[in-house]
Amino acid sequence: MRYDPSMGRTALYRDPAPFRPARAEVQLDADALLLTMPDGRPRRYALDGRSATQLDGMFTARSAPYSNARPERRFVRMLVLERDDERHVLITPPDHGAVAPNVVRLPVAPEDAAIVDDHAWDALAEWLLGGGRFAAYAISDLARLAAVATSRFAALIGQVAAERALEQLWAARGPLRGVADLEAALHPLIAAARQSPRVADALRAARAHAGTTPRRRRA
């Protein structure tokens, strides 16, 4: 038995064998959330008028398909999207550990909940719970959001990142004094772009919006 520090005092059991259910692919647009389920089925949730709630919960799963073993209660974080009679749930991967029986009462995630990788779930939850506003976003936050965005939305995020970078330069030194300074301000976006094509789209949009190009290394 162990306690995960990010989960308070919820008791978890170590898994005797790896458990990793398939993930859904996420793309966030300005007005919609697009999911591609592991079996290839698409889901589209319009965000206008939809409320978002974050909960700790559990997901009931078997360790292996067609197993006769007793289903396990696994800890997840739930992002619940509701509008009128619609209710959709996105959960973090349920492969971090099983909740000990009779320790806590937690809401149960539905069987059709979309399982989303932690980094994508965190970015989505921050955006949706914040009402879909850029106001409090630093450039590092924008980079995380761009990683789960559509190409079109990533371009908009890049423009916002360029405005943030220019604001930093104007506040610190007055008028813009060169590309090198802007590139330094955009560093979180530049670093993330090495790992994500969508962040690379945002970076290109940021440079175009600021009217700059990256410096070339000297031969």
Protein backbone atom coordinates (compact mmCIF):
# COMPACT_ATOMS: atom_id res chain seq x y z
CA MET A 1 0.00 0.00 0.00
CA ARG A 2 1.17 3.54 -0.71
CA TYR A 3 -0.09 7.09 -0.68
CA ASP A 4 0.37 9.30 -3.72
CA PRO A 5 1.24 12.87 -2.56
CA SER A 6 -0.90 14.41 -5.31
CA MET A 7 -3.97 12.52 -4.13
CA GLY A 8 -4.11 13.46 -0.47
CA ARG A 9 -4.78 10.44 1.74
CA THR A 10 -6.47 8.23 -0.86
CA ALA A 11 -4.98 4.76 -0.41
CA LEU A 12 -3.69 3.11 -3.56
CA TYR A 13 -2.40 -0.40 -4.21
CA ARG A 14 0.62 -1.11 -6.37
CA ASP A 15 -0.19 -2.94 -9.59
CA PRO A 16 1.24 -6.48 -9.88
CA ALA A 17 1.24 -6.03 -13.69
CA PRO A 18 1.30 -2.98 -15.95
CA PHE A 19 -2.13 -1.55 -16.76
CA ARG A 20 -2.36 1.01 -19.56
CA PRO A 21 -5.70 1.44 -21.34
CA ALA A 22 -5.72 3.22 -24.70
CA ARG A 23 -5.93 7.01 -24.70
CA ALA A 24 -8.16 9.36 -26.66
CA GLU A 25 -6.48 11.95 -28.90
CA VAL A 26 -7.36 15.54 -28.01
CA GLN A 27 -7.67 18.65 -30.16
CA LEU A 28 -8.97 21.88 -28.66
CA ASP A 29 -10.48 24.54 -30.91
CA ALA A 30 -11.63 28.01 -29.91
CA ASP A 31 -15.25 26.88 -29.65
CA ALA A 32 -15.14 23.08 -29.55
CA LEU A 33 -13.34 20.08 -28.11
CA LEU A 34 -12.50 17.35 -30.61
CA LEU A 35 -11.67 13.81 -29.48
CA THR A 36 -10.60 10.77 -31.45
CA MET A 37 -11.37 7.67 -29.43
CA PRO A 38 -9.00 4.66 -29.44
CA ASP A 39 -11.28 2.82 -31.89
CA GLY A 40 -11.15 5.75 -34.31
CA ARG A 41 -14.60 7.15 -33.53
CA PRO A 42 -14.69 10.98 -33.43
CA ARG A 43 -16.43 13.02 -30.74
CA ARG A 44 -17.10 16.73 -30.95
CA TYR A 45 -18.32 18.84 -28.03
CA ALA A 46 -19.32 22.43 -28.68
CA LEU A 47 -18.11 24.55 -25.76
CA ASP A 48 -20.55 27.44 -25.99
CA GLY A 49 -22.86 27.41 -22.97
CA ARG A 50 -21.21 24.33 -21.49
CA SER A 51 -20.16 24.22 -17.82
CA ALA A 52 -17.01 22.44 -16.63
CA THR A 53 -16.42 20.78 -13.26
CA GLN A 54 -13.34 19.05 -11.86
CA LEU A 55 -13.74 16.11 -9.47
CA ASP A 56 -11.72 13.33 -7.92
CA GLY A 57 -13.30 10.03 -8.89
CA MET A 58 -12.76 6.39 -9.67
CA PHE A 59 -12.96 4.26 -12.77
CA THR A 60 -13.93 0.61 -12.61
CA ALA A 61 -11.73 -1.49 -14.86
CA ARG A 62 -10.30 -4.94 -15.35
CA SER A 63 -6.55 -5.45 -15.49
CA ALA A 64 -6.84 -7.19 -18.86
CA PRO A 65 -9.54 -7.65 -21.48
CA TYR A 66 -11.78 -10.69 -20.99
CA SER A 67 -10.22 -11.29 -17.60
CA ASN A 68 -12.27 -13.09 -14.96
CA ALA A 69 -10.56 -11.10 -12.25
CA ARG A 70 -12.70 -8.89 -10.07
CA PRO A 71 -12.96 -5.33 -11.48
CA GLU A 72 -10.70 -2.81 -9.73
CA ARG A 73 -11.56 0.67 -8.50
CA ARG A 74 -8.92 3.01 -9.88
CA PHE A 75 -8.34 6.63 -8.93
CA VAL A 76 -8.84 9.23 -11.67
CA ARG A 77 -9.41 12.94 -11.97
CA MET A 78 -12.63 13.77 -13.78
CA LEU A 79 -13.40 16.74 -16.02
CA VAL A 80 -17.18 16.87 -16.39
CA LEU A 81 -18.68 18.88 -19.27
CA GLU A 82 -22.40 19.62 -18.99
CA ARG A 83 -25.01 21.46 -21.00
CA ASP A 84 -28.77 20.95 -20.71
CA ASP A 85 -29.20 17.16 -20.53
CA GLU A 86 -25.75 16.39 -21.94
CA ARG A 87 -22.98 15.14 -19.67
CA HIS A 88 -19.55 14.08 -20.93
CA VAL A 89 -16.57 13.02 -18.84
CA LEU A 90 -12.84 13.09 -19.53
CA ILE A 91 -10.58 11.29 -17.07
CA THR A 92 -6.88 11.00 -16.37
CA PRO A 93 -5.33 7.57 -17.02
CA PRO A 94 -6.60 4.98 -14.50
CA ASP A 95 -3.28 3.14 -14.49
CA HIS A 96 -1.65 4.88 -11.51
CA GLY A 97 -3.09 2.58 -8.86
CA ALA A 98 -6.23 0.99 -7.46
CA VAL A 99 -8.28 2.64 -4.73
CA ALA A 100 -8.38 0.56 -1.57
CA PRO A 101 -11.85 -0.87 -0.80
CA ASN A 102 -14.02 1.05 1.68
CA VAL A 103 -11.45 3.82 2.16
CA VAL A 104 -13.21 6.71 0.47
CA ARG A 105 -16.43 7.36 -1.38
CA LEU A 106 -15.77 8.81 -4.79
CA PRO A 107 -18.01 9.52 -7.78
CA VAL A 108 -17.74 6.83 -10.44
CA ALA A 109 -16.65 7.77 -13.96
CA PRO A 110 -18.88 6.32 -16.71
CA GLU A 111 -17.59 3.42 -18.77
CA ASP A 112 -17.55 5.57 -21.92
CA ALA A 113 -15.41 8.31 -20.33
CA ALA A 114 -12.59 9.48 -22.58
CA ILE A 115 -9.18 8.61 -21.11
CA VAL A 116 -6.78 11.50 -21.75
CA ASP A 117 -3.06 11.73 -20.99
CA ASP A 118 -2.21 13.78 -17.90
CA HIS A 119 -0.54 16.67 -19.72
CA ALA A 120 -3.50 17.08 -22.09
CA TRP A 121 -6.03 16.74 -19.26
CA ASP A 122 -4.25 19.41 -17.21
CA ALA A 123 -4.17 21.86 -20.13
CA LEU A 124 -7.84 21.27 -20.92
CA ALA A 125 -8.96 21.56 -17.30
CA GLU A 126 -7.07 24.84 -16.80
CA TRP A 127 -8.56 26.32 -19.98
CA LEU A 128 -12.16 25.17 -19.47
CA LEU A 129 -12.35 25.88 -15.75
CA GLY A 130 -10.95 29.34 -16.44
CA GLY A 131 -13.81 30.08 -18.81
CA GLY A 132 -11.72 29.91 -21.97
CA ARG A 133 -9.86 33.18 -21.38
CA PHE A 134 -6.22 34.06 -22.00
CA ALA A 135 -6.09 36.81 -19.36
CA ALA A 136 -3.96 35.02 -16.77
CA TYR A 137 -1.87 32.94 -19.20
CA ALA A 138 1.89 33.30 -19.26
CA ILE A 139 3.83 32.19 -22.35
CA SER A 140 4.67 28.85 -20.71
CA ASP A 141 0.93 28.28 -20.12
CA LEU A 142 0.20 29.16 -23.74
CA ALA A 143 2.77 26.61 -24.87
CA ARG A 144 1.03 23.84 -22.90
CA LEU A 145 -2.33 24.86 -24.35
CA ALA A 146 -1.00 25.00 -27.91
CA ALA A 147 0.20 21.39 -27.60
CA VAL A 148 -3.43 20.19 -27.50
CA ALA A 149 -4.87 22.77 -29.91
CA THR A 150 -5.95 22.48 -33.51
CA SER A 151 -3.65 24.12 -36.04
CA ARG A 152 -6.07 27.07 -36.38
CA PHE A 153 -6.36 27.61 -32.64
CA ALA A 154 -2.61 27.16 -32.18
CA ALA A 155 -2.07 30.07 -34.58
CA LEU A 156 -4.31 32.26 -32.42
CA ILE A 157 -2.43 31.15 -29.30
CA GLY A 158 0.81 32.11 -31.03
CA GLN A 159 -0.49 35.63 -31.67
CA VAL A 160 -1.40 35.96 -27.99
CA ALA A 161 2.09 34.71 -27.07
CA ALA A 162 3.64 37.38 -29.32
CA GLU A 163 1.62 40.08 -27.55
CA ARG A 164 2.77 38.75 -24.16
CA ALA A 165 6.41 38.75 -25.30
CA LEU A 166 6.20 42.29 -26.65
CA GLU A 167 4.53 43.49 -23.46
CA GLN A 168 7.41 42.01 -21.43
CA LEU A 169 9.98 43.79 -23.58
CA TRP A 170 8.19 47.13 -23.50
CA ALA A 171 7.73 46.93 -19.75
CA ALA A 172 11.37 46.05 -19.12
CA ARG A 173 13.25 48.14 -21.68
CA GLY A 174 10.98 50.36 -23.68
CA PRO A 175 10.67 49.97 -27.48
CA LEU A 176 11.70 46.66 -29.03
CA ARG A 177 15.48 46.51 -29.57
CA GLY A 178 15.99 43.40 -31.64
CA VAL A 179 14.98 39.88 -32.56
CA ALA A 180 17.21 38.30 -29.95
CA ASP A 181 15.21 39.85 -27.12
CA LEU A 182 11.91 38.64 -28.56
CA GLU A 183 13.31 35.15 -29.05
CA ALA A 184 14.35 35.09 -25.40
CA ALA A 185 10.86 36.12 -24.32
CA LEU A 186 9.36 33.37 -26.49
CA HIS A 187 11.71 30.73 -25.10
CA PRO A 188 8.97 28.54 -23.47
CA LEU A 189 7.22 28.35 -26.84
CA ILE A 190 10.48 27.64 -28.67
CA ALA A 191 11.41 24.83 -26.29
CA ALA A 192 7.98 23.19 -26.49
CA ALA A 193 7.92 23.49 -30.30
CA ARG A 194 10.76 20.96 -30.49
CA GLN A 195 8.39 18.30 -29.18
CA SER A 196 5.01 19.34 -30.59
CA PRO A 197 3.97 20.20 -34.18
CA ARG A 198 1.05 22.24 -32.84
CA VAL A 199 3.33 24.37 -30.67
CA ALA A 200 5.53 24.82 -33.75
CA ASP A 201 2.45 26.22 -35.52
CA ALA A 202 1.94 28.61 -32.61
CA LEU A 203 5.59 29.68 -32.71
CA ARG A 204 5.42 30.48 -36.43
CA ALA A 205 2.29 32.54 -35.83
CA ALA A 206 3.97 34.36 -32.93
CA ARG A 207 6.98 35.33 -35.03
CA ALA A 208 4.79 36.42 -37.93
CA HIS A 209 2.58 38.51 -35.64
CA ALA A 210 5.61 40.22 -34.12
CA GLY A 211 7.12 40.81 -37.57
CA THR A 212 10.34 38.95 -36.80
CA THR A 213 12.29 35.93 -38.00
CA PRO A 214 14.57 33.68 -35.93
CA ARG A 215 18.31 34.32 -36.00
CA ARG A 216 20.36 31.96 -38.10
CA ARG A 217 23.42 30.35 -36.57
CA ARG A 218 26.71 31.42 -38.03
CA ALA A 219 28.49 28.76 -40.05
